[in-house]
Amino acid sequence: MPKAKKNNKVKVHYTGRLTTGEQFDSSEGRDPLEFELGAGQMIPGFDEAVEGMELNEKKTVTLSPDQAYGPVHDQLINEVDRKQLPADMKPEVGQTLMASSPDGQQTRVQVTEVKDNSIVIDANHPLAGKELVFDIELVEIA
């Protein structure tokens, strides 16, 4: 049986969930996910999990934050004065906003707290700092 190796184009079906069981993503009902092994297109632990799998093999892996989206970086959590927001904006916890850095780069941030005179935003990936569990099925090796 051929095994998936670096530089192979592969297709997988997957379901991703937190260790609490809450599902955050799945290819169920969609085309399988296609990517090149070892090309940096996937989080490191997912790439490593698929490498060495045989065609039609299924496995479940648990990835530490370092193998996934990394730790939470406190410097990416900031308090913003409401005066800096558009006057008509009604921020809510969980809301996703686009923020501009001084060099003009756009960054996606999430509102994590709403205070009277400010809001707290987090530019970390929503899955940063979390252990992730993936059910993976390798459906094609090219």
N, C-alpha and C. Protein backbone atom coordinates (compact mmCIF):
# COMPACT_ATOMS: atom_id res chain seq x y z
N MET A 1 0.85 -1.19 0.00
CA MET A 1 0.00 0.00 0.00
C MET A 1 0.89 1.25 0.00
N PRO A 2 0.59 2.20 -0.88
CA PRO A 2 1.37 3.45 -0.85
C PRO A 2 1.07 4.24 0.43
N LYS A 3 2.10 4.93 0.90
CA LYS A 3 1.95 5.77 2.09
C LYS A 3 2.18 7.23 1.68
N ALA A 4 1.46 8.11 2.34
CA ALA A 4 1.61 9.54 2.07
C ALA A 4 2.98 10.00 2.56
N LYS A 5 3.68 10.74 1.70
CA LYS A 5 4.99 11.25 2.09
C LYS A 5 5.12 12.70 1.63
N LYS A 6 6.14 13.36 2.17
CA LYS A 6 6.40 14.76 1.88
C LYS A 6 6.35 15.02 0.38
N ASN A 7 5.76 16.15 0.01
CA ASN A 7 5.59 16.62 -1.37
C ASN A 7 4.45 15.93 -2.12
N ASN A 8 3.81 14.89 -1.52
CA ASN A 8 2.62 14.31 -2.14
C ASN A 8 1.47 15.30 -2.03
N LYS A 9 0.64 15.34 -3.06
CA LYS A 9 -0.65 16.03 -2.95
C LYS A 9 -1.59 14.98 -2.39
N VAL A 10 -2.29 15.33 -1.31
CA VAL A 10 -3.19 14.38 -0.67
C VAL A 10 -4.57 15.01 -0.52
N LYS A 11 -5.56 14.14 -0.37
CA LYS A 11 -6.92 14.59 -0.05
C LYS A 11 -7.36 13.82 1.19
N VAL A 12 -7.92 14.56 2.14
CA VAL A 12 -8.39 13.94 3.38
C VAL A 12 -9.78 14.44 3.73
N HIS A 13 -10.53 13.59 4.37
CA HIS A 13 -11.74 14.03 5.06
C HIS A 13 -11.34 14.14 6.52
N TYR A 14 -11.90 15.12 7.22
CA TYR A 14 -11.49 15.35 8.60
C TYR A 14 -12.63 15.97 9.38
N THR A 15 -12.54 15.80 10.68
CA THR A 15 -13.39 16.53 11.62
C THR A 15 -12.46 17.03 12.73
N GLY A 16 -12.55 18.31 13.02
CA GLY A 16 -11.74 18.90 14.08
C GLY A 16 -12.63 19.30 15.24
N ARG A 17 -12.18 18.96 16.45
CA ARG A 17 -12.95 19.33 17.64
C ARG A 17 -12.01 19.65 18.79
N LEU A 18 -12.56 20.35 19.75
CA LEU A 18 -11.81 20.64 20.98
C LEU A 18 -11.85 19.41 21.86
N THR A 19 -11.02 19.39 22.89
CA THR A 19 -11.02 18.24 23.81
C THR A 19 -12.32 18.15 24.59
N THR A 20 -13.12 19.22 24.59
CA THR A 20 -14.44 19.21 25.23
C THR A 20 -15.47 18.50 24.36
N GLY A 21 -15.09 18.20 23.09
CA GLY A 21 -16.01 17.55 22.17
C GLY A 21 -16.66 18.52 21.20
N GLU A 22 -16.51 19.82 21.44
CA GLU A 22 -17.12 20.83 20.56
C GLU A 22 -16.43 20.83 19.20
N GLN A 23 -17.20 20.58 18.14
CA GLN A 23 -16.65 20.55 16.78
C GLN A 23 -16.45 21.97 16.27
N PHE A 24 -15.26 22.24 15.67
CA PHE A 24 -15.00 23.57 15.11
C PHE A 24 -14.87 23.55 13.60
N ASP A 25 -14.70 22.38 12.99
CA ASP A 25 -14.59 22.31 11.53
C ASP A 25 -14.73 20.87 11.08
N SER A 26 -15.18 20.69 9.83
CA SER A 26 -15.31 19.35 9.26
C SER A 26 -15.44 19.46 7.75
N SER A 27 -14.97 18.44 7.06
CA SER A 27 -15.16 18.36 5.61
C SER A 27 -16.42 17.57 5.27
N GLU A 28 -17.13 17.11 6.27
CA GLU A 28 -18.35 16.32 6.05
C GLU A 28 -19.32 17.11 5.18
N GLY A 29 -19.81 16.45 4.13
CA GLY A 29 -20.75 17.08 3.22
C GLY A 29 -20.07 17.99 2.20
N ARG A 30 -18.74 18.05 2.21
CA ARG A 30 -17.98 18.86 1.25
C ARG A 30 -16.95 17.96 0.57
N ASP A 31 -16.27 18.54 -0.42
CA ASP A 31 -15.16 17.83 -1.05
C ASP A 31 -14.07 17.64 0.00
N PRO A 32 -13.25 16.59 -0.16
CA PRO A 32 -12.15 16.42 0.79
C PRO A 32 -11.17 17.59 0.68
N LEU A 33 -10.44 17.82 1.76
CA LEU A 33 -9.42 18.86 1.82
C LEU A 33 -8.19 18.38 1.05
N GLU A 34 -7.71 19.20 0.12
CA GLU A 34 -6.53 18.86 -0.67
C GLU A 34 -5.37 19.78 -0.29
N PHE A 35 -4.19 19.19 -0.08
CA PHE A 35 -3.01 19.99 0.24
C PHE A 35 -1.75 19.19 -0.08
N GLU A 36 -0.62 19.89 -0.12
CA GLU A 36 0.67 19.24 -0.36
C GLU A 36 1.35 19.02 0.98
N LEU A 37 1.70 17.77 1.24
CA LEU A 37 2.35 17.43 2.51
C LEU A 37 3.71 18.12 2.62
N GLY A 38 3.95 18.76 3.75
CA GLY A 38 5.23 19.38 4.02
C GLY A 38 5.41 20.75 3.40
N ALA A 39 4.37 21.30 2.76
CA ALA A 39 4.51 22.60 2.08
C ALA A 39 4.12 23.77 2.97
N GLY A 40 3.77 23.50 4.22
CA GLY A 40 3.42 24.58 5.13
C GLY A 40 2.01 25.10 4.94
N GLN A 41 1.17 24.35 4.24
CA GLN A 41 -0.21 24.77 4.00
C GLN A 41 -1.12 24.45 5.19
N MET A 42 -0.68 23.54 6.02
CA MET A 42 -1.49 23.07 7.15
C MET A 42 -0.74 23.34 8.46
N ILE A 43 -1.48 23.29 9.58
CA ILE A 43 -0.80 23.38 10.87
C ILE A 43 0.17 22.20 10.97
N PRO A 44 1.31 22.37 11.64
CA PRO A 44 2.36 21.35 11.64
C PRO A 44 1.89 19.95 12.08
N GLY A 45 1.13 19.88 13.15
CA GLY A 45 0.70 18.58 13.66
C GLY A 45 -0.23 17.83 12.72
N PHE A 46 -1.03 18.57 11.95
CA PHE A 46 -1.93 17.92 10.98
C PHE A 46 -1.10 17.32 9.86
N ASP A 47 -0.14 18.08 9.34
CA ASP A 47 0.79 17.60 8.31
C ASP A 47 1.48 16.32 8.80
N GLU A 48 2.03 16.37 10.00
CA GLU A 48 2.76 15.22 10.56
C GLU A 48 1.85 14.01 10.73
N ALA A 49 0.59 14.24 11.09
CA ALA A 49 -0.34 13.13 11.30
C ALA A 49 -0.66 12.42 10.00
N VAL A 50 -0.75 13.16 8.90
CA VAL A 50 -1.10 12.56 7.61
C VAL A 50 0.10 11.84 7.00
N GLU A 51 1.31 12.38 7.23
CA GLU A 51 2.50 11.75 6.67
C GLU A 51 2.62 10.33 7.20
N GLY A 52 2.79 9.38 6.29
CA GLY A 52 2.92 7.97 6.66
C GLY A 52 1.61 7.20 6.66
N MET A 53 0.48 7.91 6.51
CA MET A 53 -0.81 7.21 6.46
C MET A 53 -0.94 6.47 5.13
N GLU A 54 -1.66 5.35 5.14
CA GLU A 54 -1.96 4.59 3.92
C GLU A 54 -3.30 5.04 3.37
N LEU A 55 -3.50 4.83 2.08
CA LEU A 55 -4.75 5.17 1.42
C LEU A 55 -5.92 4.53 2.16
N ASN A 56 -6.96 5.29 2.42
CA ASN A 56 -8.19 4.87 3.13
C ASN A 56 -7.99 4.61 4.63
N GLU A 57 -6.81 4.89 5.14
CA GLU A 57 -6.58 4.74 6.58
C GLU A 57 -7.29 5.86 7.32
N LYS A 58 -7.79 5.54 8.51
CA LYS A 58 -8.42 6.52 9.38
C LYS A 58 -7.65 6.56 10.69
N LYS A 59 -7.53 7.76 11.26
CA LYS A 59 -6.87 7.87 12.57
C LYS A 59 -7.42 9.09 13.29
N THR A 60 -7.23 9.08 14.59
CA THR A 60 -7.59 10.22 15.43
C THR A 60 -6.31 10.67 16.13
N VAL A 61 -6.05 11.98 16.06
CA VAL A 61 -4.85 12.54 16.69
C VAL A 61 -5.25 13.72 17.57
N THR A 62 -4.51 13.89 18.66
CA THR A 62 -4.68 15.05 19.53
C THR A 62 -3.42 15.88 19.41
N LEU A 63 -3.61 17.17 19.07
CA LEU A 63 -2.49 18.06 18.86
C LEU A 63 -2.39 19.07 20.00
N SER A 64 -1.17 19.25 20.51
CA SER A 64 -0.92 20.27 21.51
C SER A 64 -0.98 21.64 20.84
N PRO A 65 -1.14 22.71 21.59
CA PRO A 65 -1.13 24.05 20.97
C PRO A 65 0.11 24.30 20.11
N ASP A 66 1.28 23.79 20.53
CA ASP A 66 2.50 23.99 19.75
C ASP A 66 2.45 23.29 18.40
N GLN A 67 1.65 22.24 18.28
CA GLN A 67 1.50 21.53 17.01
C GLN A 67 0.36 22.11 16.18
N ALA A 68 -0.38 23.05 16.77
CA ALA A 68 -1.55 23.60 16.09
C ALA A 68 -1.38 25.10 15.86
N TYR A 69 -2.12 25.92 16.59
CA TYR A 69 -2.10 27.37 16.37
C TYR A 69 -1.24 28.13 17.38
N GLY A 70 -0.45 27.40 18.15
CA GLY A 70 0.48 28.04 19.08
C GLY A 70 -0.19 28.48 20.36
N PRO A 71 0.63 29.04 21.26
CA PRO A 71 0.10 29.52 22.54
C PRO A 71 -0.63 30.85 22.35
N VAL A 72 -1.36 31.25 23.38
CA VAL A 72 -1.97 32.59 23.39
C VAL A 72 -0.86 33.58 23.72
N HIS A 73 -0.73 34.61 22.91
CA HIS A 73 0.27 35.66 23.14
C HIS A 73 -0.43 36.86 23.77
N ASP A 74 -0.08 37.16 25.02
CA ASP A 74 -0.71 38.25 25.75
C ASP A 74 -0.57 39.60 25.05
N GLN A 75 0.54 39.79 24.32
CA GLN A 75 0.74 41.08 23.64
C GLN A 75 -0.25 41.29 22.49
N LEU A 76 -0.97 40.25 22.11
CA LEU A 76 -1.98 40.38 21.05
C LEU A 76 -3.37 40.68 21.62
N ILE A 77 -3.45 40.86 22.93
CA ILE A 77 -4.71 41.22 23.59
C ILE A 77 -4.56 42.68 24.05
N ASN A 78 -5.44 43.54 23.57
CA ASN A 78 -5.31 44.97 23.85
C ASN A 78 -6.65 45.60 24.19
N GLU A 79 -6.57 46.63 25.01
CA GLU A 79 -7.74 47.42 25.35
C GLU A 79 -7.76 48.65 24.44
N VAL A 80 -8.92 48.93 23.84
CA VAL A 80 -9.06 50.03 22.90
C VAL A 80 -10.12 50.99 23.42
N ASP A 81 -9.77 52.26 23.46
CA ASP A 81 -10.72 53.30 23.88
C ASP A 81 -11.86 53.36 22.88
N ARG A 82 -13.08 53.42 23.38
CA ARG A 82 -14.26 53.47 22.50
C ARG A 82 -14.24 54.69 21.57
N LYS A 83 -13.51 55.74 21.95
CA LYS A 83 -13.41 56.93 21.10
C LYS A 83 -12.72 56.61 19.77
N GLN A 84 -11.96 55.51 19.73
CA GLN A 84 -11.27 55.10 18.52
C GLN A 84 -12.18 54.30 17.58
N LEU A 85 -13.36 53.95 18.04
CA LEU A 85 -14.30 53.16 17.24
C LEU A 85 -15.28 54.08 16.52
N PRO A 86 -15.85 53.62 15.41
CA PRO A 86 -16.88 54.42 14.75
C PRO A 86 -18.02 54.72 15.74
N ALA A 87 -18.56 55.93 15.70
CA ALA A 87 -19.58 56.37 16.66
C ALA A 87 -20.81 55.48 16.67
N ASP A 88 -21.18 54.93 15.52
CA ASP A 88 -22.40 54.12 15.43
C ASP A 88 -22.15 52.64 15.75
N MET A 89 -20.93 52.28 16.08
CA MET A 89 -20.61 50.88 16.34
C MET A 89 -21.11 50.43 17.71
N LYS A 90 -21.74 49.27 17.74
CA LYS A 90 -22.22 48.66 18.98
C LYS A 90 -21.45 47.34 19.17
N PRO A 91 -20.26 47.40 19.77
CA PRO A 91 -19.45 46.18 19.91
C PRO A 91 -20.10 45.17 20.85
N GLU A 92 -19.91 43.89 20.50
CA GLU A 92 -20.44 42.78 21.30
C GLU A 92 -19.34 41.74 21.48
N VAL A 93 -19.35 41.05 22.62
CA VAL A 93 -18.40 39.98 22.86
C VAL A 93 -18.60 38.91 21.79
N GLY A 94 -17.48 38.46 21.20
CA GLY A 94 -17.52 37.45 20.15
C GLY A 94 -17.50 38.04 18.74
N GLN A 95 -17.75 39.33 18.63
CA GLN A 95 -17.76 40.00 17.34
C GLN A 95 -16.35 40.03 16.74
N THR A 96 -16.27 39.81 15.43
CA THR A 96 -15.00 39.87 14.72
C THR A 96 -14.89 41.23 14.04
N LEU A 97 -13.74 41.88 14.21
CA LEU A 97 -13.49 43.19 13.60
C LEU A 97 -12.19 43.13 12.81
N MET A 98 -12.03 44.08 11.90
CA MET A 98 -10.76 44.24 11.20
C MET A 98 -10.07 45.46 11.81
N ALA A 99 -8.83 45.30 12.19
CA ALA A 99 -8.04 46.39 12.78
C ALA A 99 -6.85 46.67 11.87
N SER A 100 -6.46 47.92 11.81
CA SER A 100 -5.30 48.32 11.01
C SER A 100 -4.14 48.61 11.93
N SER A 101 -2.98 48.05 11.59
CA SER A 101 -1.76 48.35 12.36
C SER A 101 -1.17 49.65 11.82
N PRO A 102 -0.21 50.25 12.54
CA PRO A 102 0.38 51.50 12.09
C PRO A 102 0.96 51.43 10.66
N ASP A 103 1.41 50.22 10.24
CA ASP A 103 1.96 50.10 8.89
C ASP A 103 0.88 49.82 7.83
N GLY A 104 -0.40 49.85 8.27
CA GLY A 104 -1.51 49.67 7.33
C GLY A 104 -1.96 48.24 7.12
N GLN A 105 -1.32 47.30 7.79
CA GLN A 105 -1.68 45.90 7.64
C GLN A 105 -3.00 45.62 8.36
N GLN A 106 -3.89 44.88 7.71
CA GLN A 106 -5.19 44.52 8.29
C GLN A 106 -5.05 43.23 9.10
N THR A 107 -5.64 43.23 10.29
CA THR A 107 -5.62 42.07 11.17
C THR A 107 -7.03 41.80 11.68
N ARG A 108 -7.41 40.54 11.69
CA ARG A 108 -8.71 40.14 12.24
C ARG A 108 -8.57 40.02 13.74
N VAL A 109 -9.47 40.64 14.48
CA VAL A 109 -9.47 40.59 15.94
C VAL A 109 -10.87 40.22 16.43
N GLN A 110 -10.92 39.70 17.63
CA GLN A 110 -12.21 39.35 18.22
C GLN A 110 -12.41 40.15 19.50
N VAL A 111 -13.63 40.67 19.66
CA VAL A 111 -13.98 41.40 20.88
C VAL A 111 -14.17 40.37 21.99
N THR A 112 -13.41 40.52 23.09
CA THR A 112 -13.51 39.56 24.19
C THR A 112 -14.16 40.16 25.44
N GLU A 113 -14.22 41.51 25.48
CA GLU A 113 -14.84 42.17 26.63
C GLU A 113 -15.30 43.55 26.19
N VAL A 114 -16.48 43.94 26.66
CA VAL A 114 -17.02 45.28 26.38
C VAL A 114 -17.17 46.01 27.71
N LYS A 115 -16.48 47.14 27.83
CA LYS A 115 -16.54 47.96 29.05
C LYS A 115 -17.22 49.28 28.71
N ASP A 116 -17.49 50.08 29.72
CA ASP A 116 -18.16 51.36 29.50
C ASP A 116 -17.40 52.27 28.54
N ASN A 117 -16.09 52.40 28.72
CA ASN A 117 -15.30 53.33 27.92
C ASN A 117 -14.30 52.68 26.99
N SER A 118 -14.29 51.34 26.94
CA SER A 118 -13.31 50.64 26.10
C SER A 118 -13.82 49.25 25.74
N ILE A 119 -13.08 48.64 24.83
CA ILE A 119 -13.32 47.22 24.53
C ILE A 119 -11.97 46.51 24.59
N VAL A 120 -12.00 45.21 24.83
CA VAL A 120 -10.79 44.40 24.80
C VAL A 120 -10.86 43.55 23.54
N ILE A 121 -9.78 43.61 22.74
CA ILE A 121 -9.72 42.83 21.51
C ILE A 121 -8.57 41.85 21.57
N ASP A 122 -8.73 40.73 20.89
CA ASP A 122 -7.73 39.66 20.89
C ASP A 122 -7.40 39.32 19.44
N ALA A 123 -6.12 39.48 19.06
CA ALA A 123 -5.68 39.19 17.70
C ALA A 123 -5.09 37.78 17.58
N ASN A 124 -5.13 36.99 18.66
CA ASN A 124 -4.69 35.60 18.58
C ASN A 124 -5.67 34.82 17.70
N HIS A 125 -5.18 33.74 17.08
CA HIS A 125 -6.09 32.85 16.35
C HIS A 125 -7.11 32.32 17.35
N PRO A 126 -8.38 32.18 16.97
CA PRO A 126 -9.40 31.70 17.92
C PRO A 126 -9.06 30.34 18.56
N LEU A 127 -8.24 29.53 17.88
CA LEU A 127 -7.89 28.22 18.43
C LEU A 127 -6.50 28.20 19.10
N ALA A 128 -5.87 29.36 19.22
CA ALA A 128 -4.57 29.44 19.90
C ALA A 128 -4.72 28.99 21.36
N GLY A 129 -3.72 28.26 21.84
CA GLY A 129 -3.71 27.82 23.22
C GLY A 129 -4.59 26.62 23.51
N LYS A 130 -5.18 26.04 22.47
CA LYS A 130 -6.10 24.92 22.69
C LYS A 130 -5.53 23.62 22.12
N GLU A 131 -5.81 22.52 22.83
CA GLU A 131 -5.54 21.19 22.28
C GLU A 131 -6.64 20.88 21.29
N LEU A 132 -6.26 20.34 20.13
CA LEU A 132 -7.22 20.03 19.09
C LEU A 132 -7.21 18.54 18.79
N VAL A 133 -8.39 17.98 18.52
CA VAL A 133 -8.53 16.57 18.18
C VAL A 133 -9.05 16.48 16.75
N PHE A 134 -8.35 15.72 15.91
CA PHE A 134 -8.76 15.55 14.53
C PHE A 134 -9.00 14.09 14.22
N ASP A 135 -10.14 13.79 13.60
CA ASP A 135 -10.40 12.49 12.98
C ASP A 135 -10.05 12.70 11.52
N ILE A 136 -9.13 11.88 11.00
CA ILE A 136 -8.61 12.06 9.64
C ILE A 136 -8.79 10.76 8.87
N GLU A 137 -9.23 10.88 7.61
CA GLU A 137 -9.28 9.74 6.68
C GLU A 137 -8.56 10.17 5.42
N LEU A 138 -7.52 9.43 5.03
CA LEU A 138 -6.78 9.72 3.80
C LEU A 138 -7.51 9.08 2.63
N VAL A 139 -8.00 9.90 1.71
CA VAL A 139 -8.81 9.36 0.60
C VAL A 139 -8.10 9.40 -0.76
N GLU A 140 -6.99 10.14 -0.86
CA GLU A 140 -6.26 10.16 -2.14
C GLU A 140 -4.82 10.60 -1.92
N ILE A 141 -3.90 9.93 -2.65
CA ILE A 141 -2.49 10.32 -2.68
C ILE A 141 -2.13 10.52 -4.15
N ALA A 142 -1.56 11.69 -4.47
CA ALA A 142 -1.17 11.93 -5.87
C ALA A 142 0.30 12.29 -5.94
